[in-house]
């Protein structure tokens, strides 16, 4: 069983990721791993006799994604900065143009 500091860190990290997603902010693996380290360090300071070591390695992050399902919310590269609303209006505009061409 994982030590309580690790469990608390992952729970707080998920809350932070959800908040970032709700705000429309990017949450890439580097940023998430940095935040995990900061959260864990803060929790470790608060727990007496905590001897657990934590490294927000790529391996840890990959397992964290599998455990929590965040692979659905982590965005990378251009897709992270894409304007979803503009893309939707472009699709609508394209459909309108196609309809006009078909009707002509």
N, C-alpha and C. Protein backbone atom coordinates (compact mmCIF):
# COMPACT_ATOMS: atom_id res chain seq x y z
N UNK A 1 0.85 -1.19 0.00
CA UNK A 1 0.00 0.00 0.00
C UNK A 1 0.88 1.25 0.00
N UNK A 2 0.49 2.22 -0.76
CA UNK A 2 1.28 3.45 -0.87
C UNK A 2 1.18 4.26 0.42
N UNK A 3 2.29 4.88 0.83
CA UNK A 3 2.26 5.74 2.02
C UNK A 3 1.27 6.88 1.86
N UNK A 4 0.78 7.37 2.98
CA UNK A 4 -0.28 8.38 2.94
C UNK A 4 0.14 9.66 2.22
N UNK A 5 1.41 10.07 2.33
CA UNK A 5 1.85 11.28 1.64
C UNK A 5 1.71 11.13 0.12
N UNK A 6 2.00 9.94 -0.40
CA UNK A 6 1.86 9.71 -1.84
C UNK A 6 0.39 9.73 -2.26
N UNK A 7 -0.45 9.09 -1.46
CA UNK A 7 -1.88 9.08 -1.78
C UNK A 7 -2.47 10.49 -1.74
N UNK A 8 -2.11 11.25 -0.72
CA UNK A 8 -2.60 12.63 -0.61
C UNK A 8 -2.10 13.47 -1.77
N UNK A 9 -0.82 13.29 -2.13
CA UNK A 9 -0.25 14.06 -3.23
C UNK A 9 -1.01 13.79 -4.52
N UNK A 10 -1.29 12.52 -4.81
CA UNK A 10 -1.99 12.20 -6.06
C UNK A 10 -3.41 12.75 -6.06
N UNK A 11 -4.06 12.72 -4.92
CA UNK A 11 -5.41 13.27 -4.83
C UNK A 11 -5.39 14.78 -5.06
N UNK A 12 -4.45 15.47 -4.42
CA UNK A 12 -4.33 16.91 -4.62
C UNK A 12 -3.92 17.25 -6.04
N UNK A 13 -3.07 16.43 -6.61
CA UNK A 13 -2.63 16.64 -7.99
C UNK A 13 -3.80 16.51 -8.96
N UNK A 14 -4.65 15.51 -8.75
CA UNK A 14 -5.83 15.35 -9.60
C UNK A 14 -6.76 16.56 -9.50
N UNK A 15 -6.91 17.09 -8.30
CA UNK A 15 -7.73 18.29 -8.11
C UNK A 15 -7.14 19.46 -8.88
N UNK A 16 -5.82 19.61 -8.80
CA UNK A 16 -5.13 20.68 -9.50
C UNK A 16 -5.30 20.53 -11.02
N UNK A 17 -5.15 19.31 -11.52
CA UNK A 17 -5.30 19.06 -12.96
C UNK A 17 -6.72 19.38 -13.40
N UNK A 18 -7.71 18.97 -12.62
CA UNK A 18 -9.12 19.26 -12.95
C UNK A 18 -9.36 20.76 -12.99
N UNK A 19 -8.78 21.47 -12.05
CA UNK A 19 -8.92 22.92 -12.00
C UNK A 19 -8.30 23.56 -13.24
N UNK A 20 -7.11 23.12 -13.61
CA UNK A 20 -6.44 23.65 -14.81
C UNK A 20 -7.29 23.38 -16.04
N UNK A 21 -7.84 22.18 -16.13
CA UNK A 21 -8.66 21.82 -17.29
C UNK A 21 -9.91 22.69 -17.34
N UNK A 22 -10.55 22.90 -16.20
CA UNK A 22 -11.77 23.71 -16.15
C UNK A 22 -11.50 25.15 -16.59
N UNK A 23 -10.30 25.64 -16.30
CA UNK A 23 -9.92 27.00 -16.69
C UNK A 23 -9.45 27.06 -18.14
N UNK A 24 -9.29 25.91 -18.78
CA UNK A 24 -8.82 25.87 -20.16
C UNK A 24 -7.31 25.99 -20.28
N UNK A 25 -6.61 25.84 -19.16
CA UNK A 25 -5.16 25.93 -19.17
C UNK A 25 -4.54 24.62 -19.64
N UNK A 26 -3.33 24.71 -20.17
CA UNK A 26 -2.60 23.53 -20.59
C UNK A 26 -2.06 22.78 -19.38
N UNK A 27 -2.01 21.47 -19.48
CA UNK A 27 -1.44 20.64 -18.41
C UNK A 27 -0.61 19.55 -19.08
N UNK A 28 0.63 19.85 -19.39
CA UNK A 28 1.47 18.84 -20.03
C UNK A 28 2.22 18.03 -18.98
N UNK A 29 2.90 16.99 -19.40
CA UNK A 29 3.53 16.07 -18.45
C UNK A 29 4.60 16.75 -17.62
N UNK A 30 5.37 17.65 -18.20
CA UNK A 30 6.43 18.33 -17.45
C UNK A 30 5.82 19.16 -16.32
N UNK A 31 4.80 19.92 -16.64
CA UNK A 31 4.15 20.77 -15.64
C UNK A 31 3.52 19.93 -14.53
N UNK A 32 2.87 18.84 -14.91
CA UNK A 32 2.23 17.97 -13.92
C UNK A 32 3.28 17.33 -13.02
N UNK A 33 4.38 16.88 -13.59
CA UNK A 33 5.43 16.25 -12.79
C UNK A 33 6.07 17.25 -11.83
N UNK A 34 6.26 18.50 -12.27
CA UNK A 34 6.80 19.53 -11.39
C UNK A 34 5.85 19.81 -10.23
N UNK A 35 4.57 19.90 -10.55
CA UNK A 35 3.56 20.17 -9.52
C UNK A 35 3.49 19.01 -8.52
N UNK A 36 3.58 17.77 -9.02
CA UNK A 36 3.57 16.60 -8.14
C UNK A 36 4.72 16.67 -7.14
N UNK A 37 5.90 17.05 -7.61
CA UNK A 37 7.07 17.15 -6.73
C UNK A 37 6.85 18.21 -5.66
N UNK A 38 6.33 19.37 -6.07
CA UNK A 38 6.10 20.45 -5.09
C UNK A 38 5.06 20.05 -4.06
N UNK A 39 3.97 19.43 -4.49
CA UNK A 39 2.93 18.99 -3.56
C UNK A 39 3.50 17.97 -2.59
N UNK A 40 4.24 16.98 -3.12
CA UNK A 40 4.78 15.94 -2.25
C UNK A 40 5.75 16.53 -1.23
N UNK A 41 6.61 17.43 -1.66
CA UNK A 41 7.56 18.05 -0.74
C UNK A 41 6.85 18.79 0.39
N UNK A 42 5.77 19.49 0.05
CA UNK A 42 4.99 20.19 1.08
C UNK A 42 4.35 19.21 2.06
N UNK A 43 3.80 18.13 1.54
CA UNK A 43 3.16 17.13 2.40
C UNK A 43 4.18 16.43 3.28
N UNK A 44 5.32 16.14 2.73
CA UNK A 44 6.36 15.44 3.49
C UNK A 44 6.82 16.28 4.67
N UNK A 45 6.90 17.58 4.48
CA UNK A 45 7.29 18.48 5.58
C UNK A 45 6.26 18.44 6.71
N UNK A 46 4.99 18.26 6.35
CA UNK A 46 3.92 18.25 7.34
C UNK A 46 3.80 16.93 8.11
N UNK A 47 4.28 15.84 7.51
CA UNK A 47 4.17 14.53 8.16
C UNK A 47 5.43 14.22 8.97
N UNK A 48 5.22 13.89 10.21
CA UNK A 48 6.34 13.53 11.07
C UNK A 48 6.88 12.17 10.66
N UNK A 49 8.19 12.03 10.69
CA UNK A 49 8.87 10.76 10.42
C UNK A 49 8.56 10.17 9.05
N UNK A 50 8.25 10.99 8.08
CA UNK A 50 7.97 10.49 6.73
C UNK A 50 9.30 10.17 6.07
N UNK A 51 9.52 8.89 5.82
CA UNK A 51 10.77 8.44 5.22
C UNK A 51 10.62 8.09 3.74
N UNK A 52 9.48 8.40 3.18
CA UNK A 52 9.19 8.05 1.80
C UNK A 52 9.92 9.01 0.87
N UNK A 53 10.51 8.46 -0.17
CA UNK A 53 11.13 9.27 -1.21
C UNK A 53 10.23 9.21 -2.43
N UNK A 54 10.19 10.30 -3.16
CA UNK A 54 9.35 10.37 -4.35
C UNK A 54 10.10 11.07 -5.46
N UNK A 55 9.97 10.50 -6.63
CA UNK A 55 10.54 11.11 -7.84
C UNK A 55 9.44 11.12 -8.89
N UNK A 56 9.13 12.29 -9.39
CA UNK A 56 8.10 12.41 -10.42
C UNK A 56 8.72 12.08 -11.77
N UNK A 57 9.14 10.85 -11.89
CA UNK A 57 9.80 10.38 -13.11
C UNK A 57 8.78 10.14 -14.21
N UNK A 58 9.27 9.94 -15.41
CA UNK A 58 8.39 9.60 -16.53
C UNK A 58 7.66 8.29 -16.24
N UNK A 59 8.35 7.34 -15.64
CA UNK A 59 7.73 6.06 -15.30
C UNK A 59 6.59 6.26 -14.30
N UNK A 60 6.83 7.06 -13.26
CA UNK A 60 5.76 7.36 -12.30
C UNK A 60 4.59 8.01 -13.02
N UNK A 61 4.87 8.98 -13.88
CA UNK A 61 3.81 9.70 -14.57
C UNK A 61 2.99 8.77 -15.46
N UNK A 62 3.67 7.87 -16.17
CA UNK A 62 2.94 6.92 -17.02
C UNK A 62 2.01 6.03 -16.19
N UNK A 63 2.47 5.58 -15.03
CA UNK A 63 1.63 4.75 -14.16
C UNK A 63 0.49 5.58 -13.55
N UNK A 64 0.79 6.83 -13.20
CA UNK A 64 -0.22 7.73 -12.66
C UNK A 64 -1.34 7.93 -13.68
N UNK A 65 -0.98 8.12 -14.94
CA UNK A 65 -1.98 8.28 -15.99
C UNK A 65 -2.85 7.04 -16.10
N UNK A 66 -2.25 5.86 -16.02
CA UNK A 66 -3.03 4.63 -16.10
C UNK A 66 -3.97 4.47 -14.91
N UNK A 67 -3.46 4.80 -13.72
CA UNK A 67 -4.28 4.66 -12.51
C UNK A 67 -5.46 5.63 -12.50
N UNK A 68 -5.25 6.82 -13.01
CA UNK A 68 -6.24 7.87 -12.85
C UNK A 68 -7.04 8.20 -14.11
N UNK A 69 -6.56 7.76 -15.25
CA UNK A 69 -7.25 8.06 -16.50
C UNK A 69 -7.02 9.46 -17.01
N UNK A 70 -6.00 10.16 -16.52
CA UNK A 70 -5.79 11.54 -16.98
C UNK A 70 -5.26 11.63 -18.39
N UNK A 71 -4.96 10.50 -19.01
CA UNK A 71 -4.51 10.56 -20.39
C UNK A 71 -5.55 11.22 -21.28
N UNK A 72 -6.77 11.30 -20.80
CA UNK A 72 -7.82 11.94 -21.57
C UNK A 72 -7.79 13.46 -21.44
N UNK A 73 -7.10 13.99 -20.43
CA UNK A 73 -7.11 15.43 -20.24
C UNK A 73 -5.77 16.07 -20.49
N UNK A 74 -4.72 15.32 -20.55
CA UNK A 74 -3.41 15.90 -20.77
C UNK A 74 -3.29 16.23 -22.25
N UNK A 75 -2.98 17.48 -22.52
CA UNK A 75 -2.88 17.92 -23.90
C UNK A 75 -1.44 18.32 -24.19
N UNK A 76 -1.02 18.12 -25.42
CA UNK A 76 0.36 18.39 -25.80
C UNK A 76 0.41 19.24 -27.06
N UNK A 77 1.49 19.97 -27.23
CA UNK A 77 1.78 20.66 -28.48
C UNK A 77 0.67 21.56 -28.97
N UNK A 78 0.47 21.58 -30.28
CA UNK A 78 -0.51 22.46 -30.88
C UNK A 78 -1.92 22.16 -30.41
N UNK A 79 -2.22 20.91 -30.14
CA UNK A 79 -3.58 20.58 -29.70
C UNK A 79 -3.89 21.24 -28.37
N UNK A 80 -2.85 21.49 -27.56
CA UNK A 80 -3.06 22.13 -26.27
C UNK A 80 -3.44 23.59 -26.42
N UNK A 81 -2.97 24.22 -27.49
CA UNK A 81 -3.23 25.64 -27.66
C UNK A 81 -4.30 25.91 -28.71
N UNK A 82 -4.92 24.88 -29.21
CA UNK A 82 -5.92 25.04 -30.27
C UNK A 82 -7.14 25.79 -29.74
N UNK A 83 -7.70 26.62 -30.58
CA UNK A 83 -8.92 27.36 -30.24
C UNK A 83 -10.11 26.51 -30.67
N UNK A 84 -10.66 25.77 -29.73
CA UNK A 84 -11.75 24.83 -30.01
C UNK A 84 -12.98 25.55 -30.56
N UNK A 85 -13.30 26.70 -29.99
CA UNK A 85 -14.48 27.43 -30.43
C UNK A 85 -14.29 27.90 -31.88
N UNK A 86 -13.11 28.42 -32.21
CA UNK A 86 -12.84 28.86 -33.58
C UNK A 86 -12.89 27.68 -34.55
N UNK A 87 -12.37 26.54 -34.11
CA UNK A 87 -12.39 25.36 -34.96
C UNK A 87 -13.83 24.94 -35.25
N UNK A 88 -14.67 25.00 -34.24
CA UNK A 88 -16.08 24.64 -34.43
C UNK A 88 -16.78 25.57 -35.41
N UNK A 89 -16.51 26.87 -35.32
CA UNK A 89 -17.14 27.80 -36.25
C UNK A 89 -16.60 27.62 -37.66
N UNK A 90 -15.33 27.22 -37.79
CA UNK A 90 -14.76 26.95 -39.11
C UNK A 90 -15.45 25.75 -39.76
N UNK A 91 -15.73 24.74 -38.97
CA UNK A 91 -16.43 23.56 -39.49
C UNK A 91 -17.82 23.95 -39.97
N UNK A 92 -18.51 24.76 -39.19
CA UNK A 92 -19.85 25.22 -39.58
C UNK A 92 -19.79 26.05 -40.86
N UNK A 93 -18.82 26.91 -40.95
CA UNK A 93 -18.66 27.75 -42.14
C UNK A 93 -18.37 26.89 -43.36
N UNK A 94 -17.50 25.89 -43.19
CA UNK A 94 -17.16 24.98 -44.28
C UNK A 94 -18.40 24.23 -44.75
N UNK A 95 -19.19 23.74 -43.83
CA UNK A 95 -20.43 23.02 -44.17
C UNK A 95 -21.39 23.93 -44.94
N UNK A 96 -21.49 25.19 -44.53
CA UNK A 96 -22.36 26.14 -45.21
C UNK A 96 -21.90 26.35 -46.66
N UNK A 97 -20.60 26.49 -46.86
CA UNK A 97 -20.06 26.69 -48.20
C UNK A 97 -20.33 25.47 -49.07
N UNK A 98 -20.15 24.28 -48.54
CA UNK A 98 -20.41 23.05 -49.29
C UNK A 98 -21.88 22.99 -49.71
N UNK A 99 -22.77 23.33 -48.78
CA UNK A 99 -24.21 23.33 -49.10
C UNK A 99 -24.51 24.31 -50.23
N UNK A 100 -23.90 25.48 -50.19
CA UNK A 100 -24.13 26.47 -51.24
C UNK A 100 -23.63 25.95 -52.59
N UNK A 101 -22.47 25.31 -52.59
CA UNK A 101 -21.90 24.78 -53.84
C UNK A 101 -22.75 23.65 -54.39
N UNK A 102 -23.26 22.82 -53.52
CA UNK A 102 -24.11 21.70 -53.96
C UNK A 102 -25.43 22.20 -54.52
N UNK A 103 -25.94 23.31 -53.96
CA UNK A 103 -27.20 23.87 -54.41
C UNK A 103 -27.07 24.65 -55.71
N UNK A 104 -25.86 25.04 -56.07
CA UNK A 104 -25.66 25.85 -57.29
C UNK A 104 -25.70 25.06 -58.56
